[in-house]
Protein backbone atom coordinates (compact mmCIF):
# COMPACT_ATOMS: atom_id res chain seq x y z
CA MET A 1 11.02 13.08 -29.07
CA ASN A 2 9.37 12.83 -32.46
CA TYR A 3 6.01 14.64 -32.45
CA ARG A 4 5.18 13.84 -36.07
CA VAL A 5 1.91 11.99 -36.49
CA ASN A 6 0.53 10.41 -39.65
CA TYR A 7 -3.17 11.18 -39.36
CA ASP A 8 -3.89 8.96 -42.36
CA ASP A 9 -3.30 5.96 -40.06
CA PHE A 10 -6.28 6.87 -37.84
CA ASP A 11 -9.70 5.36 -38.25
CA PRO A 12 -11.77 8.38 -39.40
CA GLU A 13 -14.67 7.50 -37.08
CA ILE A 14 -12.43 7.20 -34.02
CA PHE A 15 -10.50 10.35 -34.90
CA THR A 16 -13.74 12.30 -35.38
CA ALA A 17 -14.96 11.12 -31.97
CA PHE A 18 -11.60 12.17 -30.45
CA LEU A 19 -11.88 15.64 -31.99
CA GLN A 20 -15.45 16.07 -30.77
CA GLU A 21 -14.57 14.96 -27.24
CA SER A 22 -11.48 17.18 -27.24
CA ASN A 23 -13.54 20.21 -28.24
CA GLU A 24 -16.06 19.50 -25.47
CA LEU A 25 -13.27 19.09 -22.92
CA LEU A 26 -11.57 22.31 -24.02
CA ASP A 27 -14.88 24.18 -23.83
CA GLY A 28 -15.35 22.86 -20.30
CA ILE A 29 -11.82 23.89 -19.36
CA GLU A 30 -12.46 27.40 -20.66
CA ILE A 31 -15.64 27.69 -18.58
CA ALA A 32 -13.87 26.34 -15.49
CA VAL A 33 -10.95 28.77 -15.89
CA VAL A 34 -13.34 31.71 -16.07
CA ALA A 35 -15.17 30.48 -12.95
CA LEU A 36 -11.98 29.63 -11.06
CA GLY A 37 -11.72 33.03 -9.41
CA GLU A 38 -15.08 32.59 -7.71
CA ASN A 39 -14.96 28.83 -7.18
CA PRO A 40 -11.58 27.18 -6.44
CA ASP A 41 -13.25 23.76 -6.82
CA GLU A 42 -13.18 24.34 -10.58
CA LEU A 43 -9.48 23.45 -10.47
CA ALA A 44 -10.41 19.79 -10.01
CA ARG A 45 -12.66 20.00 -13.08
CA ILE A 46 -9.77 21.43 -15.10
CA PHE A 47 -7.40 18.67 -13.98
CA ARG A 48 -9.96 15.93 -14.77
CA ALA A 49 -10.55 17.30 -18.26
CA MET A 50 -6.82 17.62 -18.95
CA HIS A 51 -6.21 14.08 -17.70
CA THR A 52 -8.95 12.76 -19.99
CA LEU A 53 -7.55 14.67 -22.96
CA LYS A 54 -4.05 13.40 -22.25
CA GLY A 55 -5.25 9.80 -21.94
CA ALA A 56 -7.23 9.90 -25.18
CA SER A 57 -4.25 11.45 -26.97
CA LYS A 58 -1.94 8.74 -25.70
CA MET A 59 -4.39 6.04 -26.78
CA LEU A 60 -4.40 7.45 -30.31
CA GLY A 61 -0.65 7.97 -30.39
CA ILE A 62 -0.55 11.78 -30.44
CA PRO A 63 2.61 12.42 -28.39
CA ALA A 64 2.53 16.22 -28.52
CA VAL A 65 -0.59 16.19 -26.36
CA ALA A 66 0.02 12.95 -24.48
CA THR A 67 3.33 13.94 -22.95
């Protein structure tokens, strides 16, 4: 599979929103991983965030994250 992406093809506003959302999701994942030992329900939060990140990546055509 070719994981090369031409970022020049992205709308800068959409790509900026993607990066902001991705950072928020990754921050949430980090918090959930730390809390996972005390609260196993955090696993669902991690999966939801990863699913959202994967979907947004697929929508933008970023295969390295979307697959």
